[in-house]
């Protein structure tokens, strides 16, 4: 088994005009957003300590490659 990559799958809740959300999510590319929403985005694993403080859920995703040929 060969490790290929790792990243964070982050979940944050709030208003689209919130400065913290603007820092991580390009809300201009999403379109019109009304009210409090859940945002889900991917981030580099190196930002885990920063994101753990503001996300209500944070998954560390690790991708491996397995050679199934014998």
N, C-alpha and C. Protein backbone atom coordinates (compact mmCIF):
# COMPACT_ATOMS: atom_id res chain seq x y z
N UNK A 1 0.85 -1.17 0.00
CA UNK A 1 0.00 0.00 0.00
C UNK A 1 0.90 1.24 0.00
N UNK A 2 0.60 2.18 -0.88
CA UNK A 2 1.42 3.39 -1.02
C UNK A 2 0.57 4.61 -0.71
N UNK A 3 1.03 5.42 0.23
CA UNK A 3 0.34 6.66 0.56
C UNK A 3 0.47 7.63 -0.60
N UNK A 4 -0.66 8.24 -1.02
CA UNK A 4 -0.66 9.16 -2.17
C UNK A 4 -0.84 10.62 -1.75
N UNK A 5 -1.85 10.90 -0.92
CA UNK A 5 -2.09 12.28 -0.51
C UNK A 5 -3.01 12.32 0.71
N UNK A 6 -3.06 13.48 1.34
CA UNK A 6 -3.96 13.70 2.47
C UNK A 6 -4.48 15.13 2.40
N UNK A 7 -5.72 15.29 2.80
CA UNK A 7 -6.32 16.63 2.85
C UNK A 7 -7.42 16.63 3.91
N UNK A 8 -7.93 17.79 4.22
CA UNK A 8 -9.00 17.93 5.20
C UNK A 8 -10.32 18.18 4.49
N UNK A 9 -11.36 17.56 4.98
CA UNK A 9 -12.72 17.84 4.54
C UNK A 9 -13.35 18.60 5.70
N UNK A 10 -13.59 19.90 5.50
CA UNK A 10 -13.99 20.79 6.59
C UNK A 10 -15.44 21.22 6.45
N UNK A 11 -16.12 21.35 7.59
CA UNK A 11 -17.50 21.79 7.65
C UNK A 11 -17.58 22.99 8.59
N UNK A 12 -18.15 24.08 8.10
CA UNK A 12 -18.27 25.30 8.89
C UNK A 12 -19.67 25.85 8.70
N UNK A 13 -20.23 26.46 9.72
CA UNK A 13 -21.59 26.98 9.68
C UNK A 13 -21.53 28.50 9.86
N UNK A 14 -22.36 29.22 9.10
CA UNK A 14 -22.43 30.65 9.29
C UNK A 14 -23.01 31.38 8.10
N UNK A 15 -22.93 32.69 8.16
CA UNK A 15 -23.44 33.55 7.10
C UNK A 15 -22.36 33.72 6.04
N UNK A 16 -22.75 33.84 4.77
CA UNK A 16 -21.77 33.98 3.70
C UNK A 16 -20.90 35.24 3.80
N UNK A 17 -21.38 36.27 4.50
CA UNK A 17 -20.60 37.51 4.62
C UNK A 17 -19.67 37.50 5.84
N UNK A 18 -19.66 36.39 6.57
CA UNK A 18 -18.78 36.24 7.72
C UNK A 18 -17.32 36.21 7.24
N UNK A 19 -16.46 36.97 7.89
CA UNK A 19 -15.05 37.08 7.46
C UNK A 19 -14.32 35.74 7.50
N UNK A 20 -14.64 34.90 8.46
CA UNK A 20 -13.99 33.59 8.55
C UNK A 20 -14.38 32.73 7.34
N UNK A 21 -15.65 32.74 6.99
CA UNK A 21 -16.10 31.97 5.83
C UNK A 21 -15.50 32.53 4.55
N UNK A 22 -15.45 33.83 4.42
CA UNK A 22 -14.86 34.45 3.23
C UNK A 22 -13.39 34.05 3.06
N UNK A 23 -12.72 33.80 4.17
CA UNK A 23 -11.30 33.43 4.12
C UNK A 23 -11.10 32.06 3.47
N UNK A 24 -12.05 31.15 3.64
CA UNK A 24 -11.89 29.78 3.16
C UNK A 24 -12.76 29.41 1.97
N UNK A 25 -13.87 30.11 1.76
CA UNK A 25 -14.81 29.75 0.71
C UNK A 25 -14.98 30.93 -0.24
N UNK A 26 -14.83 30.69 -1.53
CA UNK A 26 -15.03 31.73 -2.54
C UNK A 26 -16.53 31.86 -2.77
N UNK A 27 -17.20 32.70 -1.98
CA UNK A 27 -18.65 32.83 -2.07
C UNK A 27 -19.09 33.49 -3.37
N UNK A 28 -18.21 34.20 -4.04
CA UNK A 28 -18.56 34.81 -5.32
C UNK A 28 -18.80 33.75 -6.39
N UNK A 29 -18.17 32.60 -6.27
CA UNK A 29 -18.31 31.53 -7.25
C UNK A 29 -19.55 30.67 -7.00
N UNK A 30 -20.20 30.85 -5.87
CA UNK A 30 -21.34 30.02 -5.49
C UNK A 30 -22.66 30.58 -6.02
N UNK A 31 -22.80 31.89 -6.01
CA UNK A 31 -24.08 32.51 -6.37
C UNK A 31 -24.72 33.11 -5.14
N UNK A 32 -26.00 33.35 -5.20
CA UNK A 32 -26.72 33.97 -4.08
C UNK A 32 -26.94 32.96 -2.96
N UNK A 33 -26.61 33.38 -1.76
CA UNK A 33 -26.77 32.54 -0.58
C UNK A 33 -27.55 33.36 0.44
N UNK A 34 -28.59 32.78 0.99
CA UNK A 34 -29.42 33.49 1.96
C UNK A 34 -29.44 32.73 3.28
N UNK A 35 -29.28 33.46 4.38
CA UNK A 35 -29.37 32.86 5.70
C UNK A 35 -28.14 32.09 6.11
N UNK A 36 -28.26 31.47 7.26
CA UNK A 36 -27.16 30.67 7.81
C UNK A 36 -27.08 29.36 7.03
N UNK A 37 -25.89 29.01 6.64
CA UNK A 37 -25.66 27.81 5.83
C UNK A 37 -24.51 26.99 6.37
N UNK A 38 -24.50 25.73 5.98
CA UNK A 38 -23.36 24.85 6.23
C UNK A 38 -22.48 24.87 4.99
N UNK A 39 -21.21 25.13 5.18
CA UNK A 39 -20.26 25.13 4.07
C UNK A 39 -19.33 23.94 4.23
N UNK A 40 -19.06 23.27 3.14
CA UNK A 40 -18.17 22.12 3.12
C UNK A 40 -17.08 22.40 2.08
N UNK A 41 -15.82 22.27 2.49
CA UNK A 41 -14.71 22.54 1.57
C UNK A 41 -13.52 21.68 1.93
N UNK A 42 -12.61 21.57 0.97
CA UNK A 42 -11.37 20.83 1.19
C UNK A 42 -10.25 21.82 1.48
N UNK A 43 -9.33 21.42 2.34
CA UNK A 43 -8.21 22.29 2.71
C UNK A 43 -6.96 21.44 2.88
N UNK A 44 -5.79 22.05 2.74
CA UNK A 44 -4.54 21.30 2.95
C UNK A 44 -4.42 20.81 4.39
N UNK A 45 -3.83 19.67 4.54
CA UNK A 45 -3.65 19.05 5.86
C UNK A 45 -2.86 19.95 6.81
N UNK A 46 -2.01 20.80 6.24
CA UNK A 46 -1.17 21.70 7.06
C UNK A 46 -2.01 22.74 7.81
N UNK A 47 -3.25 22.94 7.45
CA UNK A 47 -4.09 23.96 8.09
C UNK A 47 -4.99 23.36 9.18
N UNK A 48 -4.73 22.15 9.58
CA UNK A 48 -5.58 21.46 10.56
C UNK A 48 -5.69 22.22 11.88
N UNK A 49 -4.59 22.67 12.44
CA UNK A 49 -4.62 23.38 13.72
C UNK A 49 -5.43 24.67 13.64
N UNK A 50 -5.38 25.32 12.51
CA UNK A 50 -6.13 26.56 12.30
C UNK A 50 -7.63 26.26 12.16
N UNK A 51 -7.98 25.22 11.41
CA UNK A 51 -9.38 24.92 11.13
C UNK A 51 -10.10 24.22 12.27
N UNK A 52 -9.40 23.48 13.08
CA UNK A 52 -10.05 22.74 14.18
C UNK A 52 -10.74 23.71 15.15
N UNK A 53 -10.29 24.94 15.20
CA UNK A 53 -10.87 25.95 16.11
C UNK A 53 -12.19 26.52 15.60
N UNK A 54 -12.44 26.46 14.30
CA UNK A 54 -13.62 27.12 13.74
C UNK A 54 -14.61 26.17 13.06
N UNK A 55 -14.22 24.93 12.81
CA UNK A 55 -15.10 23.99 12.11
C UNK A 55 -15.86 23.14 13.12
N UNK A 56 -17.12 22.84 12.82
CA UNK A 56 -17.88 21.95 13.71
C UNK A 56 -17.63 20.49 13.37
N UNK A 57 -17.06 20.23 12.19
CA UNK A 57 -16.66 18.87 11.81
C UNK A 57 -15.44 18.98 10.91
N UNK A 58 -14.47 18.12 11.12
CA UNK A 58 -13.24 18.15 10.34
C UNK A 58 -12.76 16.71 10.15
N UNK A 59 -12.71 16.26 8.89
CA UNK A 59 -12.27 14.90 8.58
C UNK A 59 -10.90 14.96 7.91
N UNK A 60 -10.03 14.11 8.34
CA UNK A 60 -8.74 13.96 7.67
C UNK A 60 -8.86 12.82 6.68
N UNK A 61 -8.69 13.13 5.41
CA UNK A 61 -8.83 12.14 4.34
C UNK A 61 -7.44 11.73 3.88
N UNK A 62 -7.20 10.44 3.84
CA UNK A 62 -5.91 9.91 3.37
C UNK A 62 -6.18 8.97 2.20
N UNK A 63 -5.43 9.13 1.15
CA UNK A 63 -5.62 8.31 -0.05
C UNK A 63 -4.40 7.43 -0.23
N UNK A 64 -4.67 6.15 -0.41
CA UNK A 64 -3.62 5.15 -0.62
C UNK A 64 -3.83 4.45 -1.95
N UNK A 65 -2.76 3.95 -2.50
CA UNK A 65 -2.82 3.16 -3.72
C UNK A 65 -2.41 1.74 -3.38
N UNK A 66 -3.20 0.78 -3.84
CA UNK A 66 -2.91 -0.61 -3.59
C UNK A 66 -2.78 -1.32 -4.93
N UNK A 67 -1.73 -2.10 -5.08
CA UNK A 67 -1.55 -2.90 -6.27
C UNK A 67 -2.21 -4.25 -6.04
N UNK A 68 -3.29 -4.54 -6.79
CA UNK A 68 -4.03 -5.78 -6.58
C UNK A 68 -3.55 -6.92 -7.47
N UNK A 69 -2.59 -6.65 -8.32
CA UNK A 69 -2.06 -7.70 -9.18
C UNK A 69 -1.08 -8.58 -8.40
N UNK A 70 -1.14 -9.87 -8.64
CA UNK A 70 -0.22 -10.77 -7.93
C UNK A 70 0.81 -11.35 -8.85
